[in-house]
C-alpha atoms as a PDB file:
ATOM      1  CA  UNK A   1     120.770 112.777  93.686  1.00  0.00           C
ATOM      2  CA  UNK A   2     120.474 109.391  91.938  1.00  0.00           C
ATOM      3  CA  UNK A   3     123.700 108.281  93.639  1.00  0.00           C
ATOM      4  CA  UNK A   4     122.258 109.184  97.039  1.00  0.00           C
ATOM      5  CA  UNK A   5     119.078 107.226  96.269  1.00  0.00           C
ATOM      6  CA  UNK A   6     121.080 104.181  95.205  1.00  0.00           C
ATOM      7  CA  UNK A   7     123.123 104.269  98.414  1.00  0.00           C
ATOM      8  CA  UNK A   8     119.958 104.650 100.475  1.00  0.00           C
ATOM      9  CA  UNK A   9     118.300 101.730  98.684  1.00  0.00           C
ATOM     10  CA  UNK A  10     121.294  99.511  99.353  1.00  0.00           C
ATOM     11  CA  UNK A  11     121.266 100.540 102.997  1.00  0.00           C
ATOM     12  CA  UNK A  12     117.573  99.695 103.316  1.00  0.00           C
ATOM     13  CA  UNK A  13     118.173  96.315 101.659  1.00  0.00           C
ATOM     14  CA  UNK A  14     121.054  95.492 104.020  1.00  0.00           C
ATOM     15  CA  UNK A  15     118.960  96.534 107.018  1.00  0.00           C
ATOM     16  CA  UNK A  16     116.111  94.307 105.861  1.00  0.00           C
ATOM     17  CA  UNK A  17     118.491  91.379 105.478  1.00  0.00           C
ATOM     18  CA  UNK A  18     119.900  91.945 108.946  1.00  0.00           C
ATOM     19  CA  UNK A  19     116.411  91.981 110.422  1.00  0.00           C
ATOM     20  CA  UNK A  20     115.668  88.723 108.609  1.00  0.00           C
ATOM     21  CA  UNK A  21     118.889  87.161 109.906  1.00  0.00           C
ATOM     22  CA  UNK A  22     118.021  88.091 113.490  1.00  0.00           C
ATOM     23  CA  UNK A  23     114.537  86.598 113.262  1.00  0.00           C
ATOM     24  CA  UNK A  24     114.418  83.583 115.640  1.00  0.00           C
ATOM     25  CA  UNK A  25     111.322  82.092 114.018  1.00  0.00           C
ATOM     26  CA  UNK A  26     112.203  78.859 112.218  1.00  0.00           C
ATOM     27  CA  UNK A  27     109.010  78.340 110.284  1.00  0.00           C
ATOM     28  CA  UNK A  28     105.769  79.806 109.065  1.00  0.00           C
ATOM     29  CA  UNK A  29     102.381  78.783 110.375  1.00  0.00           C
ATOM     30  CA  UNK A  30     100.885  75.827 108.484  1.00  0.00           C
ATOM     31  CA  UNK A  31      97.835  76.139 106.298  1.00  0.00           C
ATOM     32  CA  UNK A  32      94.651  74.715 107.888  1.00  0.00           C
ATOM     33  CA  UNK A  33      94.362  72.011 105.213  1.00  0.00           C
ATOM     34  CA  UNK A  34      97.844  70.711 106.113  1.00  0.00           C
ATOM     35  CA  UNK A  35      96.891  69.960 109.721  1.00  0.00           C
ATOM     36  CA  UNK A  36      97.754  66.341 110.657  1.00  0.00           C
ATOM     37  CA  UNK A  37      96.468  65.177 114.043  1.00  0.00           C
ATOM     38  CA  UNK A  38      96.207  61.964 116.090  1.00  0.00           C
ATOM     39  CA  UNK A  39      93.853  60.402 116.940  1.00  0.00           C
ATOM     40  CA  UNK A  40      91.549  61.536 114.128  1.00  0.00           C
ATOM     41  CA  UNK A  41      88.201  63.191 114.856  1.00  0.00           C
ATOM     42  CA  UNK A  42      85.868  62.801 116.625  1.00  0.00           C
ATOM     43  CA  UNK A  43      88.361  61.658 119.303  1.00  0.00           C
ATOM     44  CA  UNK A  44      90.184  64.329 121.298  1.00  0.00           C
ATOM     45  CA  UNK A  45      93.429  65.350 119.637  1.00  0.00           C
ATOM     46  CA  UNK A  46      96.574  64.463 121.585  1.00  0.00           C
ATOM     47  CA  UNK A  47      99.349  64.731 119.002  1.00  0.00           C
ATOM     48  CA  UNK A  48      99.919  67.077 116.082  1.00  0.00           C
ATOM     49  CA  UNK A  49     102.532  66.498 113.400  1.00  0.00           C
ATOM     50  CA  UNK A  50     104.556  69.707 113.254  1.00  0.00           C
ATOM     51  CA  UNK A  51     107.431  69.461 110.781  1.00  0.00           C
ATOM     52  CA  UNK A  52     110.455  67.423 109.724  1.00  0.00           C
ATOM     53  CA  UNK A  53     114.175  67.756 109.030  1.00  0.00           C
ATOM     54  CA  UNK A  54     115.878  65.947 106.152  1.00  0.00           C
ATOM     55  CA  UNK A  55     118.538  68.427 105.083  1.00  0.00           C
ATOM     56  CA  UNK A  56     120.139  71.723 105.998  1.00  0.00           C
ATOM     57  CA  UNK A  57     117.597  73.513 103.808  1.00  0.00           C
ATOM     58  CA  UNK A  58     114.866  72.511 106.254  1.00  0.00           C
ATOM     59  CA  UNK A  59     116.385  74.953 108.743  1.00  0.00           C
ATOM     60  CA  UNK A  60     115.148  78.138 107.085  1.00  0.00           C
ATOM     61  CA  UNK A  61     117.389  80.434 109.068  1.00  0.00           C
ATOM     62  CA  UNK A  62     120.547  78.325 108.745  1.00  0.00           C
ATOM     63  CA  UNK A  63     122.358  80.934 106.645  1.00  0.00           C
ATOM     64  CA  UNK A  64     120.566  84.173 107.400  1.00  0.00           C
ATOM     65  CA  UNK A  65     119.259  86.709 104.904  1.00  0.00           C
ATOM     66  CA  UNK A  66     122.328  88.943 105.010  1.00  0.00           C
ATOM     67  CA  UNK A  67     124.773  86.072 104.378  1.00  0.00           C
ATOM     68  CA  UNK A  68     122.672  84.836 101.467  1.00  0.00           C
ATOM     69  CA  UNK A  69     122.650  88.351 100.027  1.00  0.00           C
ATOM     70  CA  UNK A  70     126.452  88.626 100.212  1.00  0.00           C
ATOM     71  CA  UNK A  71     127.589  85.064  99.457  1.00  0.00           C
ATOM     72  CA  UNK A  72     124.666  83.297  97.776  1.00  0.00           C
ATOM     73  CA  UNK A  73     122.988  80.031  98.671  1.00  0.00           C
ATOM     74  CA  UNK A  74     124.913  77.045 100.022  1.00  0.00           C
ATOM     75  CA  UNK A  75     124.385  73.536  98.713  1.00  0.00           C
ATOM     76  CA  UNK A  76     122.023  71.670 101.076  1.00  0.00           C
ATOM     77  CA  UNK A  77     123.480  68.902 103.219  1.00  0.00           C
ATOM     78  CA  UNK A  78     121.360  65.807 103.738  1.00  0.00           C
ATOM     79  CA  UNK A  79     120.499  63.459 106.558  1.00  0.00           C
ATOM     80  CA  UNK A  80     121.144  60.052 104.970  1.00  0.00           C
ATOM     81  CA  UNK A  81     120.101  57.154 107.244  1.00  0.00           C
ATOM     82  CA  UNK A  82     119.351  58.274 110.784  1.00  0.00           C
ATOM     83  CA  UNK A  83     118.813  56.016 113.769  1.00  0.00           C
ATOM     84  CA  UNK A  84     119.237  57.577 117.214  1.00  0.00           C
ATOM     85  CA  UNK A  85     118.330  61.138 118.148  1.00  0.00           C
ATOM     86  CA  UNK A  86     118.847  63.111 121.340  1.00  0.00           C
ATOM     87  CA  UNK A  87     118.292  66.728 122.352  1.00  0.00           C
ATOM     88  CA  UNK A  88     120.491  68.793 124.643  1.00  0.00           C
ATOM     89  CA  UNK A  89     119.596  72.416 125.236  1.00  0.00           C
ATOM     90  CA  UNK A  90     119.051  73.942 121.770  1.00  0.00           C
ATOM     91  CA  UNK A  91     120.866  71.251 119.798  1.00  0.00           C
ATOM     92  CA  UNK A  92     119.497  68.123 118.122  1.00  0.00           C
ATOM     93  CA  UNK A  93     122.027  65.291 117.725  1.00  0.00           C
ATOM     94  CA  UNK A  94     121.237  62.692 115.038  1.00  0.00           C
ATOM     95  CA  UNK A  95     123.204  59.449 114.669  1.00  0.00           C
ATOM     96  CA  UNK A  96     123.517  58.793 110.933  1.00  0.00           C
ATOM     97  CA  UNK A  97     124.874  55.416 109.837  1.00  0.00           C
ATOM     98  CA  UNK A  98     124.883  56.697 106.263  1.00  0.00           C
ATOM     99  CA  UNK A  99     127.689  59.175 106.986  1.00  0.00           C
ATOM    100  CA  UNK A 100     129.386  57.256 109.838  1.00  0.00           C
ATOM    101  CA  UNK A 101     128.838  60.279 112.035  1.00  0.00           C
ATOM    102  CA  UNK A 102     126.239  62.672 113.355  1.00  0.00           C
ATOM    103  CA  UNK A 103     124.298  65.682 112.218  1.00  0.00           C
ATOM    104  CA  UNK A 104     124.009  68.449 114.783  1.00  0.00           C
ATOM    105  CA  UNK A 105     121.152  70.910 114.322  1.00  0.00           C
ATOM    106  CA  UNK A 106     121.330  74.101 116.350  1.00  0.00           C
ATOM    107  CA  UNK A 107     117.824  75.496 116.691  1.00  0.00           C
ATOM    108  CA  UNK A 108     119.080  78.772 118.176  1.00  0.00           C
ATOM    109  CA  UNK A 109     121.005  79.903 115.104  1.00  0.00           C
ATOM    110  CA  UNK A 110     119.608  77.584 112.446  1.00  0.00           C
ATOM    111  CA  UNK A 111     122.899  75.818 111.670  1.00  0.00           C
ATOM    112  CA  UNK A 112     123.337  72.268 110.386  1.00  0.00           C
ATOM    113  CA  UNK A 113     126.719  70.600 110.853  1.00  0.00           C
ATOM    114  CA  UNK A 114     128.160  67.165 110.181  1.00  0.00           C
ATOM    115  CA  UNK A 115     130.183  65.661 113.039  1.00  0.00           C
ATOM    116  CA  UNK A 116     132.490  63.057 111.505  1.00  0.00           C
ATOM    117  CA  UNK A 117     135.483  62.765 113.847  1.00  0.00           C
ATOM    118  CA  UNK A 118     138.814  61.223 112.878  1.00  0.00           C
ATOM    119  CA  UNK A 119     141.721  59.723 114.771  1.00  0.00           C
ATOM    120  CA  UNK A 120     140.852  57.963 118.023  1.00  0.00           C
ATOM    121  CA  UNK A 121     137.307  59.267 117.811  1.00  0.00           C
ATOM    122  CA  UNK A 122     136.576  57.905 114.341  1.00  0.00           C
ATOM    123  CA  UNK A 123     133.128  56.319 114.149  1.00  0.00           C
ATOM    124  CA  UNK A 124     132.039  53.310 112.117  1.00  0.00           C
ATOM    125  CA  UNK A 125     128.379  52.580 112.858  1.00  0.00           C
ATOM    126  CA  UNK A 126     126.943  55.117 115.323  1.00  0.00           C
ATOM    127  CA  UNK A 127     123.542  53.777 116.349  1.00  0.00           C
ATOM    128  CA  UNK A 128     122.445  55.865 119.336  1.00  0.00           C
ATOM    129  CA  UNK A 129     123.771  58.685 121.486  1.00  0.00           C
ATOM    130  CA  UNK A 130     123.067  60.772 124.559  1.00  0.00           C
ATOM    131  CA  UNK A 131     124.404  63.974 126.133  1.00  0.00           C
ATOM    132  CA  UNK A 132     124.864  64.369 129.897  1.00  0.00           C
ATOM    133  CA  UNK A 133     124.525  67.511 131.998  1.00  0.00           C
ATOM    134  CA  UNK A 134     128.166  68.444 131.377  1.00  0.00           C
ATOM    135  CA  UNK A 135     127.546  68.421 127.654  1.00  0.00           C
ATOM    136  CA  UNK A 136     129.576  65.221 127.159  1.00  0.00           C
ATOM    137  CA  UNK A 137     128.478  63.219 124.134  1.00  0.00           C
ATOM    138  CA  UNK A 138     128.268  59.405 124.411  1.00  0.00           C
ATOM    139  CA  UNK A 139     127.906  57.422 121.176  1.00  0.00           C
ATOM    140  CA  UNK A 140     127.072  53.711 120.924  1.00  0.00           C
ATOM    141  CA  UNK A 141     129.056  52.417 117.936  1.00  0.00           C
ATOM    142  CA  UNK A 142     128.016  48.870 117.042  1.00  0.00           C
ATOM    143  CA  UNK A 143     130.966  48.199 114.697  1.00  0.00           C
ATOM    144  CA  UNK A 144     133.642  49.667 116.982  1.00  0.00           C
ATOM    145  CA  UNK A 145     131.994  47.676 119.766  1.00  0.00           C
ATOM    146  CA  UNK A 146     132.549  50.598 122.112  1.00  0.00           C
ATOM    147  CA  UNK A 147     130.958  53.648 123.647  1.00  0.00           C
ATOM    148  CA  UNK A 148     132.884  56.648 122.299  1.00  0.00           C
ATOM    149  CA  UNK A 149     132.959  59.759 124.501  1.00  0.00           C
ATOM    150  CA  UNK A 150     133.514  63.399 123.476  1.00  0.00           C
ATOM    151  CA  UNK A 151     133.617  66.476 125.695  1.00  0.00           C
ATOM    152  CA  UNK A 152     131.386  69.539 125.413  1.00  0.00           C
ATOM    153  CA  UNK A 153     133.658  70.927 122.664  1.00  0.00           C
ATOM    154  CA  UNK A 154     133.340  67.631 120.731  1.00  0.00           C
ATOM    155  CA  UNK A 155     136.936  66.660 121.448  1.00  0.00           C
ATOM    156  CA  UNK A 156     137.622  62.941 121.846  1.00  0.00           C
ATOM    157  CA  UNK A 157     137.953  61.858 125.480  1.00  0.00           C
ATOM    158  CA  UNK A 158     137.677  58.114 125.824  1.00  0.00           C
ATOM    159  CA  UNK A 159     136.224  54.869 124.472  1.00  0.00           C
ATOM    160  CA  UNK A 160     135.171  51.929 126.591  1.00  0.00           C
ATOM    161  CA  UNK A 161     133.423  48.583 126.383  1.00  0.00           C
ATOM    162  CA  UNK A 162     133.964  44.879 126.682  1.00  0.00           C
ATOM    163  CA  UNK A 163     136.613  43.502 124.370  1.00  0.00           C
ATOM    164  CA  UNK A 164     134.747  40.213 123.879  1.00  0.00           C
ATOM    165  CA  UNK A 165     131.074  39.835 123.063  1.00  0.00           C
ATOM    166  CA  UNK A 166     130.215  43.547 123.246  1.00  0.00           C
ATOM    167  CA  UNK A 167     127.939  45.190 120.682  1.00  0.00           C
ATOM    168  CA  UNK A 168     126.291  48.343 122.028  1.00  0.00           C
ATOM    169  CA  UNK A 169     123.043  49.455 120.431  1.00  0.00           C
ATOM    170  CA  UNK A 170     121.972  52.221 122.820  1.00  0.00           C
ATOM    171  CA  UNK A 171     123.411  54.369 125.609  1.00  0.00           C
ATOM    172  CA  UNK A 172     121.903  56.606 128.292  1.00  0.00           C
ATOM    173  CA  UNK A 173     123.294  58.550 131.230  1.00  0.00           C
ATOM    174  CA  UNK A 174     121.120  58.356 134.338  1.00  0.00           C
ATOM    175  CA  UNK A 175     122.228  59.988 137.576  1.00  0.00           C
ATOM    176  CA  UNK A 176     125.812  58.729 138.129  1.00  0.00           C
ATOM    177  CA  UNK A 177     125.520  55.741 135.786  1.00  0.00           C
ATOM    178  CA  UNK A 178     126.137  55.070 132.112  1.00  0.00           C
ATOM    179  CA  UNK A 179     123.627  52.486 130.899  1.00  0.00           C
ATOM    180  CA  UNK A 180     124.360  50.529 127.703  1.00  0.00           C
ATOM    181  CA  UNK A 181     122.261  48.018 125.754  1.00  0.00           C
ATOM    182  CA  UNK A 182     124.511  45.112 124.740  1.00  0.00           C
ATOM    183  CA  UNK A 183     122.742  43.080 122.068  1.00  0.00           C
ATOM    184  CA  UNK A 184     125.493  40.445 122.016  1.00  0.00           C
ATOM    185  CA  UNK A 185     125.229  39.532 125.698  1.00  0.00           C
ATOM    186  CA  UNK A 186     121.415  39.790 126.081  1.00  0.00           C
ATOM    187  CA  UNK A 187     122.038  42.319 128.861  1.00  0.00           C
ATOM    188  CA  UNK A 188     122.133  45.950 129.794  1.00  0.00           C
ATOM    189  CA  UNK A 189     125.531  46.987 131.158  1.00  0.00           C
ATOM    190  CA  UNK A 190     125.801  49.633 133.870  1.00  0.00           C
ATOM    191  CA  UNK A 191     129.043  51.639 134.195  1.00  0.00           C
ATOM    192  CA  UNK A 192     130.279  54.288 136.597  1.00  0.00           C
ATOM    193  CA  UNK A 193     130.290  57.729 135.038  1.00  0.00           C
ATOM    194  CA  UNK A 194     133.575  58.720 136.656  1.00  0.00           C
ATOM    195  CA  UNK A 195     135.877  55.836 135.761  1.00  0.00           C
ATOM    196  CA  UNK A 196     133.854  53.927 133.119  1.00  0.00           C
ATOM    197  CA  UNK A 197     134.170  50.672 135.099  1.00  0.00           C
ATOM    198  CA  UNK A 198     131.534  47.986 134.693  1.00  0.00           C
ATOM    199  CA  UNK A 199     129.348  47.830 137.829  1.00  0.00           C
ATOM    200  CA  UNK A 200     126.665  45.287 136.937  1.00  0.00           C
ATOM    201  CA  UNK A 201     124.742  43.510 134.210  1.00  0.00           C
ATOM    202  CA  UNK A 202     120.954  43.568 134.018  1.00  0.00           C
ATOM    203  CA  UNK A 203     119.151  41.190 134.279  1.00  0.00           C
ATOM    204  CA  UNK A 204     121.921  38.658 134.854  1.00  0.00           C
ATOM    205  CA  UNK A 205     119.740  35.595 134.195  1.00  0.00           C
ATOM    206  CA  UNK A 206     119.976  32.661 131.792  1.00  0.00           C
ATOM    207  CA  UNK A 207     117.772  31.826 128.835  1.00  0.00           C
ATOM    208  CA  UNK A 208     114.391  30.559 129.967  1.00  0.00           C
ATOM    209  CA  UNK A 209     114.428  32.484 133.219  1.00  0.00           C
ATOM    210  CA  UNK A 210     112.028  35.336 133.926  1.00  0.00           C
ATOM    211  CA  UNK A 211     113.301  38.654 132.602  1.00  0.00           C
ATOM    212  CA  UNK A 212     115.737  37.168 130.071  1.00  0.00           C
ATOM    213  CA  UNK A 213     116.372  39.618 127.201  1.00  0.00           C
ATOM    214  CA  UNK A 214     116.608  37.941 123.811  1.00  0.00           C
ATOM    215  CA  UNK A 215     117.629  40.964 121.740  1.00  0.00           C
ATOM    216  CA  UNK A 216     117.926  44.267 123.593  1.00  0.00           C
ATOM    217  CA  UNK A 217     117.638  47.005 121.020  1.00  0.00           C
ATOM    218  CA  UNK A 218     116.903  50.294 122.780  1.00  0.00           C
ATOM    219  CA  UNK A 219     116.617  51.599 126.332  1.00  0.00           C
ATOM    220  CA  UNK A 220     114.915  54.409 128.236  1.00  0.00           C
ATOM    221  CA  UNK A 221     115.047  55.457 131.876  1.00  0.00           C
ATOM    222  CA  UNK A 222     112.733  57.380 134.120  1.00  0.00           C
ATOM    223  CA  UNK A 223     111.689  57.401 137.784  1.00  0.00           C
ATOM    224  CA  UNK A 224     114.407  54.798 138.518  1.00  0.00           C
ATOM    225  CA  UNK A 225     112.879  52.344 136.034  1.00  0.00           C
ATOM    226  CA  UNK A 226     114.816  50.883 133.099  1.00  0.00           C
ATOM    227  CA  UNK A 227     112.823  50.070 129.959  1.00  0.00           C
ATOM    228  CA  UNK A 228     114.382  47.681 127.412  1.00  0.00           C
ATOM    229  CA  UNK A 229     112.873  47.039 123.981  1.00  0.00           C
ATOM    230  CA  UNK A 230     113.385  43.334 123.298  1.00  0.00           C
ATOM    231  CA  UNK A 231     112.952  42.837 119.561  1.00  0.00           C
ATOM    232  CA  UNK A 232     113.695  39.136 119.945  1.00  0.00           C
ATOM    233  CA  UNK A 233     110.809  38.679 122.383  1.00  0.00           C
ATOM    234  CA  UNK A 234     108.436  41.273 120.855  1.00  0.00           C
ATOM    235  CA  UNK A 235     107.954  43.317 124.028  1.00  0.00           C
ATOM    236  CA  UNK A 236     109.405  45.974 126.321  1.00  0.00           C
ATOM    237  CA  UNK A 237     110.789  44.728 129.630  1.00  0.00           C
ATOM    238  CA  UNK A 238     110.976  46.775 132.832  1.00  0.00           C
ATOM    239  CA  UNK A 239     113.674  46.601 135.515  1.00  0.00           C
ATOM    240  CA  UNK A 240     114.515  48.531 138.650  1.00  0.00           C
ATOM    241  CA  UNK A 241     117.919  50.201 138.717  1.00  0.00           C
ATOM    242  CA  UNK A 242     119.229  47.414 140.945  1.00  0.00           C
ATOM    243  CA  UNK A 243     118.314  44.854 138.273  1.00  0.00           C
ATOM    244  CA  UNK A 244     115.014  43.527 139.640  1.00  0.00           C
ATOM    245  CA  UNK A 245     112.606  42.404 136.898  1.00  0.00           C
ATOM    246  CA  UNK A 246     109.329  44.361 137.026  1.00  0.00           C
ATOM    247  CA  UNK A 247     107.298  42.883 134.180  1.00  0.00           C
ATOM    248  CA  UNK A 248     106.749  43.664 130.522  1.00  0.00           C
ATOM    249  CA  UNK A 249     104.638  45.678 128.096  1.00  0.00           C
ATOM    250  CA  UNK A 250     103.193  44.215 124.902  1.00  0.00           C
ATOM    251  CA  UNK A 251     103.406  40.859 123.164  1.00  0.00           C
ATOM    252  CA  UNK A 252     103.813  39.385 119.701  1.00  0.00           C
ATOM    253  CA  UNK A 253     100.955  40.155 117.315  1.00  0.00           C
ATOM    254  CA  UNK A 254      99.544  42.532 114.741  1.00  0.00           C
ATOM    255  CA  UNK A 255      96.811  44.159 116.799  1.00  0.00           C
ATOM    256  CA  UNK A 256      97.030  47.423 118.787  1.00  0.00           C
ATOM    257  CA  UNK A 257      99.104  46.941 121.933  1.00  0.00           C
ATOM    258  CA  UNK A 258     101.255  44.208 120.392  1.00  0.00           C
ATOM    259  CA  UNK A 259     104.596  44.368 118.557  1.00  0.00           C
ATOM    260  CA  UNK A 260     106.468  42.844 115.650  1.00  0.00           C
ATOM    261  CA  UNK A 261     109.701  44.875 115.555  1.00  0.00           C
ATOM    262  CA  UNK A 262     109.897  47.087 118.668  1.00  0.00           C
ATOM    263  CA  UNK A 263     112.841  49.475 118.573  1.00  0.00           C
ATOM    264  CA  UNK A 264     113.113  52.955 120.089  1.00  0.00           C
ATOM    265  CA  UNK A 265     111.566  53.657 123.493  1.00  0.00           C
ATOM    266  CA  UNK A 266     111.033  56.820 125.539  1.00  0.00           C
ATOM    267  CA  UNK A 267     109.084  57.925 128.613  1.00  0.00           C
ATOM    268  CA  UNK A 268     107.454  61.259 129.355  1.00  0.00           C
ATOM    269  CA  UNK A 269     107.197  63.010 132.728  1.00  0.00           C
ATOM    270  CA  UNK A 270     103.976  61.135 133.518  1.00  0.00           C
ATOM    271  CA  UNK A 271     105.816  57.839 132.893  1.00  0.00           C
ATOM    272  CA  UNK A 272     103.815  57.060 129.776  1.00  0.00           C
ATOM    273  CA  UNK A 273     105.848  54.749 127.547  1.00  0.00           C
ATOM    274  CA  UNK A 274     106.415  55.465 123.828  1.00  0.00           C
ATOM    275  CA  UNK A 275     107.473  52.502 121.648  1.00  0.00           C
ATOM    276  CA  UNK A 276     108.499  52.555 117.978  1.00  0.00           C
ATOM    277  CA  UNK A 277     107.523  49.528 115.911  1.00  0.00           C
ATOM    278  CA  UNK A 278     109.483  49.404 112.652  1.00  0.00           C
ATOM    279  CA  UNK A 279     107.073  46.858 111.122  1.00  0.00           C
ATOM    280  CA  UNK A 280     103.859  48.719 111.963  1.00  0.00           C
ATOM    281  CA  UNK A 281     105.700  51.995 111.207  1.00  0.00           C
ATOM    282  CA  UNK A 282     104.091  53.731 114.124  1.00  0.00           C
ATOM    283  CA  UNK A 283     104.609  54.731 117.752  1.00  0.00           C
ATOM    284  CA  UNK A 284     102.360  53.256 120.438  1.00  0.00           C
ATOM    285  CA  UNK A 285     101.810  54.959 123.784  1.00  0.00           C
ATOM    286  CA  UNK A 286     101.156  53.023 127.016  1.00  0.00           C
ATOM    287  CA  UNK A 287     100.264  54.290 130.477  1.00  0.00           C
ATOM    288  CA  UNK A 288     102.389  53.333 133.533  1.00  0.00           C
ATOM    289  CA  UNK A 289     100.255  50.194 133.989  1.00  0.00           C
ATOM    290  CA  UNK A 290     101.058  49.002 130.472  1.00  0.00           C
ATOM    291  CA  UNK A 291      97.635  49.783 129.005  1.00  0.00           C
ATOM    292  CA  UNK A 292      97.567  51.095 125.434  1.00  0.00           C
ATOM    293  CA  UNK A 293      96.504  54.737 125.228  1.00  0.00           C
ATOM    294  CA  UNK A 294      96.869  55.460 121.507  1.00  0.00           C
ATOM    295  CA  UNK A 295      99.203  55.226 118.527  1.00  0.00           C
ATOM    296  CA  UNK A 296     100.330  57.638 115.838  1.00  0.00           C
ATOM    297  CA  UNK A 297     102.192  57.586 112.540  1.00  0.00           C
ATOM    298  CA  UNK A 298     101.474  54.668 110.207  1.00  0.00           C
ATOM    299  CA  UNK A 299     103.007  53.507 106.923  1.00  0.00           C
ATOM    300  CA  UNK A 300     104.154  56.416 104.815  1.00  0.00           C
ATOM    301  CA  UNK A 301     101.519  58.050 102.695  1.00  0.00           C
ATOM    302  CA  UNK A 302     102.122  61.691 103.448  1.00  0.00           C
ATOM    303  CA  UNK A 303     102.880  64.161 106.216  1.00  0.00           C
ATOM    304  CA  UNK A 304     102.975  62.682 109.713  1.00  0.00           C
ATOM    305  CA  UNK A 305     103.374  59.069 108.562  1.00  0.00           C
ATOM    306  CA  UNK A 306     106.546  57.014 109.029  1.00  0.00           C
ATOM    307  CA  UNK A 307     108.961  55.029 106.866  1.00  0.00           C
ATOM    308  CA  UNK A 308     110.991  52.436 108.762  1.00  0.00           C
ATOM    309  CA  UNK A 309     111.080  54.436 112.007  1.00  0.00           C
ATOM    310  CA  UNK A 310     113.904  53.662 114.426  1.00  0.00           C
ATOM    311  CA  UNK A 311     114.052  55.930 117.477  1.00  0.00           C
ATOM    312  CA  UNK A 312     111.795  58.187 119.514  1.00  0.00           C
ATOM    313  CA  UNK A 313     112.857  60.997 121.842  1.00  0.00           C
ATOM    314  CA  UNK A 314     110.762  63.253 124.068  1.00  0.00           C
ATOM    315  CA  UNK A 315     111.848  66.805 124.859  1.00  0.00           C
ATOM    316  CA  UNK A 316     110.346  69.574 126.963  1.00  0.00           C
ATOM    317  CA  UNK A 317     112.890  72.054 125.611  1.00  0.00           C
ATOM    318  CA  UNK A 318     112.747  74.461 122.644  1.00  0.00           C
ATOM    319  CA  UNK A 319     108.964  74.637 122.416  1.00  0.00           C
ATOM    320  CA  UNK A 320     109.129  78.222 121.198  1.00  0.00           C
ATOM    321  CA  UNK A 321     110.979  77.239 118.023  1.00  0.00           C
ATOM    322  CA  UNK A 322     108.108  74.995 116.950  1.00  0.00           C
ATOM    323  CA  UNK A 323     105.222  77.069 118.277  1.00  0.00           C
ATOM    324  CA  UNK A 324     104.495  78.624 114.835  1.00  0.00           C
ATOM    325  CA  UNK A 325     103.549  75.159 113.575  1.00  0.00           C
ATOM    326  CA  UNK A 326     100.993  74.540 116.307  1.00  0.00           C
ATOM    327  CA  UNK A 327      97.332  74.976 115.441  1.00  0.00           C
ATOM    328  CA  UNK A 328      95.851  77.960 117.247  1.00  0.00           C
ATOM    329  CA  UNK A 329      93.308  75.743 118.993  1.00  0.00           C
ATOM    330  CA  UNK A 330      96.068  73.729 120.747  1.00  0.00           C
ATOM    331  CA  UNK A 331      98.474  74.315 123.599  1.00  0.00           C
ATOM    332  CA  UNK A 332     101.868  72.658 123.043  1.00  0.00           C
ATOM    333  CA  UNK A 333     103.012  70.593 126.040  1.00  0.00           C
ATOM    334  CA  UNK A 334     106.163  68.860 124.747  1.00  0.00           C
ATOM    335  CA  UNK A 335     107.886  67.590 121.598  1.00  0.00           C
ATOM    336  CA  UNK A 336     108.260  64.065 120.205  1.00  0.00           C
ATOM    337  CA  UNK A 337     111.073  63.387 117.723  1.00  0.00           C
ATOM    338  CA  UNK A 338     110.946  60.233 115.555  1.00  0.00           C
ATOM    339  CA  UNK A 339     113.667  59.169 113.100  1.00  0.00           C
ATOM    340  CA  UNK A 340     112.807  57.507 109.785  1.00  0.00           C
ATOM    341  CA  UNK A 341     115.532  55.586 107.988  1.00  0.00           C
ATOM    342  CA  UNK A 342     113.865  56.074 104.611  1.00  0.00           C
ATOM    343  CA  UNK A 343     111.508  58.511 102.945  1.00  0.00           C
ATOM    344  CA  UNK A 344     111.393  62.292 102.671  1.00  0.00           C
ATOM    345  CA  UNK A 345     110.984  62.985 106.417  1.00  0.00           C
ATOM    346  CA  UNK A 346     114.146  61.709 108.112  1.00  0.00           C
ATOM    347  CA  UNK A 347     113.463  63.318 111.506  1.00  0.00           C
ATOM    348  CA  UNK A 348     109.802  64.061 112.158  1.00  0.00           C
ATOM    349  CA  UNK A 349     108.752  66.383 114.969  1.00  0.00           C
ATOM    350  CA  UNK A 350     105.367  65.959 116.641  1.00  0.00           C
ATOM    351  CA  UNK A 351     103.806  67.961 119.428  1.00  0.00           C
ATOM    352  CA  UNK A 352     101.848  66.553 122.354  1.00  0.00           C
ATOM    353  CA  UNK A 353      99.032  69.070 122.577  1.00  0.00           C
ATOM    354  CA  UNK A 354      96.035  69.964 124.674  1.00  0.00           C
ATOM    355  CA  UNK A 355      92.954  71.570 123.240  1.00  0.00           C
ATOM    356  CA  UNK A 356      92.357  75.106 124.478  1.00  0.00           C
ATOM    357  CA  UNK A 357      88.976  75.894 126.065  1.00  0.00           C
ATOM    358  CA  UNK A 358      86.416  77.135 123.570  1.00  0.00           C
ATOM    359  CA  UNK A 359      85.830  80.881 123.740  1.00  0.00           C
END
């Protein structure tokens, strides 16, 4: 009888572990006192800090209850010094100069993997990356002075770039073009996606002329507009896809709406512009006319603050994985990822939220 009970107990335990392993929820709901929102009351809340990733242990379901029961805990793997971040389907790709590779977080199964390729695909200083609709991964490597391309199975395909005077700091795929920020040439290079041939340089003007980029750091594209963060000129410049200069956002200064070290940029579906400032350690949001709407973050002092932020990425995917973090009074509209090169929160995740009607 005791033997039967022991077998039954083990079976119940295994079943419980299997149920835990199949649970798709990444996190538990936050306590009310841990709620971090921007702007602070009494203004209407627009952004809620949700969570962060700094190691494999931050993905609660990375190993599953049943695997932990059988094999024990794994040693956590850390994100060291992230810069760029991009999201494709259920995966988060993080460029990490500290490991000369990437971390790939799979939100669907809670896995955390290092991607440190060798051979022809070996990376030296991966700054930014993007993934196209085919699942091809493009990595801007500033020390290799090339864009390194991998297929959807992460197998090396190709590397391209100018042999002289080329130092890529960001890359994006837009329609049938590969767009690359070249900090060495004060330009954004546009390549064909099929044959990787250089089509044009934007803006193609000399120093002193309107639209000249002093130090192009990051790029974003949306609605056929190219946004370039110019850290050397303390602003974000706008161009049409045919290279026409369309004006700028921001200026040098230490007041809201100005910049000191603008880096990562992103645009949402309403064409609001998000700009990281590594000196202010915040993200400022501007409307399509260039007017400041709000800012969030601030120098690190706790949850939701930033520590030498580098990149910002907006995603309308995977909302369900972060829904448990969202305060019950808010509706989650989309996600905002921000990388921090230092501090305990290497990749912070914020939600753009809308207050639900009062009952």
